[in-house]
Amino acid sequence: MGEMLTYIFSSLRSSEKRLDVVTRAVSKQRSFNKQLTIFAVMTTANLVVMKIEQKDQALRIRKLEKEIEELKRPEGE
């Protein structure tokens, strides 16, 4: 009877240890997933802002090119 109780309690202790290991692993994974999500959101936001700035620059370049062409033309034309 004593051996059976010892076996049961040692098995419970072993299961609790494994459960603690799994709990820690899940906690670390949750933290990693949170950091990865933040990184993905920030990267996406950065790409959107860069695209907007790129379009703005292209528009300004076109305006400057037109202005340069107008300045190159003689005043009589």
N, C-alpha and C. Protein backbone atom coordinates (compact mmCIF):
# COMPACT_ATOMS: atom_id res chain seq x y z
N MET A 1 0.82 -1.19 0.00
CA MET A 1 0.00 0.00 0.00
C MET A 1 0.87 1.26 0.00
N GLY A 2 1.93 1.24 0.81
CA GLY A 2 2.83 2.38 0.89
C GLY A 2 3.55 2.61 -0.42
N GLU A 3 3.92 1.51 -1.08
CA GLU A 3 4.61 1.64 -2.37
C GLU A 3 3.68 2.25 -3.42
N MET A 4 2.41 1.87 -3.36
CA MET A 4 1.45 2.39 -4.32
C MET A 4 1.26 3.90 -4.11
N LEU A 5 1.15 4.34 -2.86
CA LEU A 5 1.02 5.77 -2.58
C LEU A 5 2.26 6.53 -3.00
N THR A 6 3.43 5.94 -2.75
CA THR A 6 4.68 6.57 -3.16
C THR A 6 4.71 6.72 -4.68
N TYR A 7 4.30 5.68 -5.39
CA TYR A 7 4.27 5.72 -6.85
C TYR A 7 3.30 6.81 -7.34
N ILE A 8 2.11 6.86 -6.73
CA ILE A 8 1.10 7.84 -7.14
C ILE A 8 1.61 9.26 -6.93
N PHE A 9 2.18 9.51 -5.74
CA PHE A 9 2.65 10.87 -5.46
C PHE A 9 3.87 11.25 -6.28
N SER A 10 4.75 10.29 -6.53
CA SER A 10 5.91 10.61 -7.38
C SER A 10 5.47 10.87 -8.82
N SER A 11 4.46 10.14 -9.25
CA SER A 11 3.92 10.36 -10.59
C SER A 11 3.26 11.74 -10.68
N LEU A 12 2.52 12.11 -9.64
CA LEU A 12 1.91 13.44 -9.60
C LEU A 12 2.97 14.53 -9.61
N ARG A 13 4.03 14.35 -8.83
CA ARG A 13 5.11 15.32 -8.78
C ARG A 13 5.76 15.47 -10.15
N SER A 14 5.99 14.33 -10.80
CA SER A 14 6.59 14.35 -12.13
C SER A 14 5.68 15.07 -13.13
N SER A 15 4.40 14.80 -13.05
CA SER A 15 3.44 15.46 -13.95
C SER A 15 3.40 16.97 -13.69
N GLU A 16 3.47 17.38 -12.43
CA GLU A 16 3.47 18.80 -12.10
C GLU A 16 4.72 19.49 -12.65
N LYS A 17 5.86 18.81 -12.57
CA LYS A 17 7.10 19.38 -13.10
C LYS A 17 6.99 19.57 -14.61
N ARG A 18 6.46 18.56 -15.29
CA ARG A 18 6.30 18.67 -16.74
C ARG A 18 5.32 19.79 -17.10
N LEU A 19 4.25 19.90 -16.31
CA LEU A 19 3.27 20.95 -16.56
C LEU A 19 3.89 22.33 -16.34
N ASP A 20 4.75 22.46 -15.34
CA ASP A 20 5.45 23.73 -15.12
C ASP A 20 6.35 24.07 -16.30
N VAL A 21 7.04 23.07 -16.84
CA VAL A 21 7.91 23.30 -18.00
C VAL A 21 7.07 23.76 -19.19
N VAL A 22 5.95 23.11 -19.41
CA VAL A 22 5.07 23.48 -20.53
C VAL A 22 4.51 24.89 -20.31
N THR A 23 4.13 25.20 -19.08
CA THR A 23 3.60 26.53 -18.77
C THR A 23 4.64 27.61 -19.05
N ARG A 24 5.89 27.37 -18.65
CA ARG A 24 6.95 28.34 -18.92
C ARG A 24 7.18 28.49 -20.42
N ALA A 25 7.16 27.38 -21.14
CA ALA A 25 7.37 27.43 -22.59
C ALA A 25 6.25 28.22 -23.27
N VAL A 26 5.01 28.00 -22.85
CA VAL A 26 3.88 28.73 -23.43
C VAL A 26 3.99 30.21 -23.11
N SER A 27 4.43 30.53 -21.90
CA SER A 27 4.60 31.94 -21.52
C SER A 27 5.66 32.61 -22.38
N LYS A 28 6.78 31.92 -22.59
CA LYS A 28 7.84 32.47 -23.44
C LYS A 28 7.36 32.62 -24.88
N GLN A 29 6.59 31.64 -25.36
CA GLN A 29 6.06 31.71 -26.72
C GLN A 29 5.10 32.89 -26.85
N ARG A 30 4.27 33.11 -25.84
CA ARG A 30 3.33 34.23 -25.86
C ARG A 30 4.09 35.55 -25.93
N SER A 31 5.15 35.66 -25.15
CA SER A 31 5.96 36.87 -25.16
C SER A 31 6.61 37.08 -26.53
N PHE A 32 7.13 36.01 -27.10
CA PHE A 32 7.75 36.09 -28.43
C PHE A 32 6.72 36.50 -29.48
N ASN A 33 5.54 35.89 -29.41
CA ASN A 33 4.48 36.22 -30.38
C ASN A 33 4.08 37.69 -30.27
N LYS A 34 4.01 38.20 -29.05
CA LYS A 34 3.66 39.60 -28.84
C LYS A 34 4.72 40.51 -29.46
N GLN A 35 5.98 40.20 -29.23
CA GLN A 35 7.06 41.01 -29.80
C GLN A 35 7.06 40.93 -31.32
N LEU A 36 6.81 39.74 -31.85
CA LEU A 36 6.77 39.57 -33.30
C LEU A 36 5.61 40.35 -33.92
N THR A 37 4.47 40.36 -33.24
CA THR A 37 3.32 41.11 -33.73
C THR A 37 3.63 42.61 -33.75
N ILE A 38 4.25 43.09 -32.68
CA ILE A 38 4.62 44.51 -32.62
C ILE A 38 5.59 44.84 -33.75
N PHE A 39 6.57 43.98 -33.98
CA PHE A 39 7.53 44.19 -35.06
C PHE A 39 6.83 44.23 -36.42
N ALA A 40 5.91 43.29 -36.64
CA ALA A 40 5.20 43.24 -37.92
C ALA A 40 4.36 44.49 -38.14
N VAL A 41 3.69 44.96 -37.10
CA VAL A 41 2.86 46.16 -37.22
C VAL A 41 3.74 47.37 -37.51
N MET A 42 4.84 47.49 -36.79
CA MET A 42 5.74 48.64 -36.99
C MET A 42 6.35 48.61 -38.39
N THR A 43 6.73 47.43 -38.86
CA THR A 43 7.31 47.31 -40.20
C THR A 43 6.28 47.69 -41.27
N THR A 44 5.06 47.23 -41.10
CA THR A 44 4.00 47.56 -42.05
C THR A 44 3.72 49.06 -42.05
N ALA A 45 3.65 49.65 -40.87
CA ALA A 45 3.42 51.10 -40.78
C ALA A 45 4.56 51.86 -41.45
N ASN A 46 5.78 51.39 -41.24
CA ASN A 46 6.94 52.04 -41.87
C ASN A 46 6.85 51.95 -43.39
N LEU A 47 6.46 50.80 -43.91
CA LEU A 47 6.33 50.65 -45.37
C LEU A 47 5.25 51.57 -45.93
N VAL A 48 4.14 51.70 -45.22
CA VAL A 48 3.07 52.58 -45.69
C VAL A 48 3.55 54.03 -45.72
N VAL A 49 4.21 54.45 -44.65
CA VAL A 49 4.72 55.83 -44.59
C VAL A 49 5.75 56.07 -45.70
N MET A 50 6.63 55.09 -45.92
CA MET A 50 7.64 55.24 -46.97
C MET A 50 6.99 55.36 -48.34
N LYS A 51 5.94 54.59 -48.58
CA LYS A 51 5.25 54.65 -49.88
C LYS A 51 4.59 56.02 -50.08
N ILE A 52 3.99 56.55 -49.02
CA ILE A 52 3.37 57.88 -49.10
C ILE A 52 4.44 58.93 -49.40
N GLU A 53 5.56 58.85 -48.70
CA GLU A 53 6.65 59.81 -48.93
C GLU A 53 7.22 59.67 -50.34
N GLN A 54 7.29 58.44 -50.83
CA GLN A 54 7.82 58.21 -52.18
C GLN A 54 6.89 58.86 -53.22
N LYS A 55 5.59 58.71 -53.05
CA LYS A 55 4.65 59.34 -53.99
C LYS A 55 4.76 60.86 -53.92
N ASP A 56 4.90 61.39 -52.72
CA ASP A 56 5.04 62.83 -52.54
C ASP A 56 6.32 63.34 -53.23
N GLN A 57 7.40 62.61 -53.07
CA GLN A 57 8.66 62.99 -53.72
C GLN A 57 8.52 62.95 -55.24
N ALA A 58 7.88 61.92 -55.75
CA ALA A 58 7.70 61.81 -57.20
C ALA A 58 6.88 62.98 -57.73
N LEU A 59 5.86 63.37 -56.99
CA LEU A 59 5.04 64.52 -57.39
C LEU A 59 5.86 65.80 -57.40
N ARG A 60 6.66 66.00 -56.36
CA ARG A 60 7.51 67.19 -56.30
C ARG A 60 8.54 67.20 -57.43
N ILE A 61 9.10 66.05 -57.74
CA ILE A 61 10.08 65.96 -58.83
C ILE A 61 9.43 66.34 -60.16
N ARG A 62 8.21 65.84 -60.40
CA ARG A 62 7.51 66.19 -61.64
C ARG A 62 7.25 67.69 -61.73
N LYS A 63 6.84 68.28 -60.61
CA LYS A 63 6.60 69.73 -60.60
C LYS A 63 7.89 70.49 -60.88
N LEU A 64 8.98 70.07 -60.27
CA LEU A 64 10.26 70.74 -60.51
C LEU A 64 10.73 70.57 -61.95
N GLU A 65 10.51 69.40 -62.53
CA GLU A 65 10.89 69.18 -63.93
C GLU A 65 10.10 70.11 -64.84
N LYS A 66 8.80 70.27 -64.56
CA LYS A 66 7.99 71.19 -65.36
C LYS A 66 8.49 72.62 -65.21
N GLU A 67 8.83 72.99 -63.99
CA GLU A 67 9.33 74.35 -63.74
C GLU A 67 10.65 74.58 -64.46
N ILE A 68 11.52 73.59 -64.46
CA ILE A 68 12.80 73.70 -65.17
C ILE A 68 12.56 73.86 -66.66
N GLU A 69 11.65 73.07 -67.22
CA GLU A 69 11.34 73.17 -68.65
C GLU A 69 10.79 74.56 -68.98
N GLU A 70 9.95 75.10 -68.11
CA GLU A 70 9.40 76.44 -68.35
C GLU A 70 10.50 77.49 -68.29
N LEU A 71 11.46 77.33 -67.39
CA LEU A 71 12.55 78.29 -67.28
C LEU A 71 13.50 78.20 -68.47
N LYS A 72 13.61 77.03 -69.08
CA LYS A 72 14.49 76.85 -70.24
C LYS A 72 13.91 77.51 -71.49
N ARG A 73 12.60 77.59 -71.59
CA ARG A 73 11.96 78.18 -72.77
C ARG A 73 12.27 79.67 -72.83
N PRO A 74 12.47 80.15 -74.03
CA PRO A 74 12.64 81.61 -74.17
C PRO A 74 11.33 82.32 -73.81
N GLU A 75 11.44 83.56 -73.37
CA GLU A 75 10.26 84.30 -72.93
C GLU A 75 9.30 84.61 -74.07
N GLY A 76 9.76 84.64 -75.27
CA GLY A 76 8.91 84.97 -76.41
C GLY A 76 7.95 83.86 -76.78
N GLU A 77 8.19 82.66 -76.39
CA GLU A 77 7.32 81.54 -76.82
C GLU A 77 6.09 81.42 -75.99
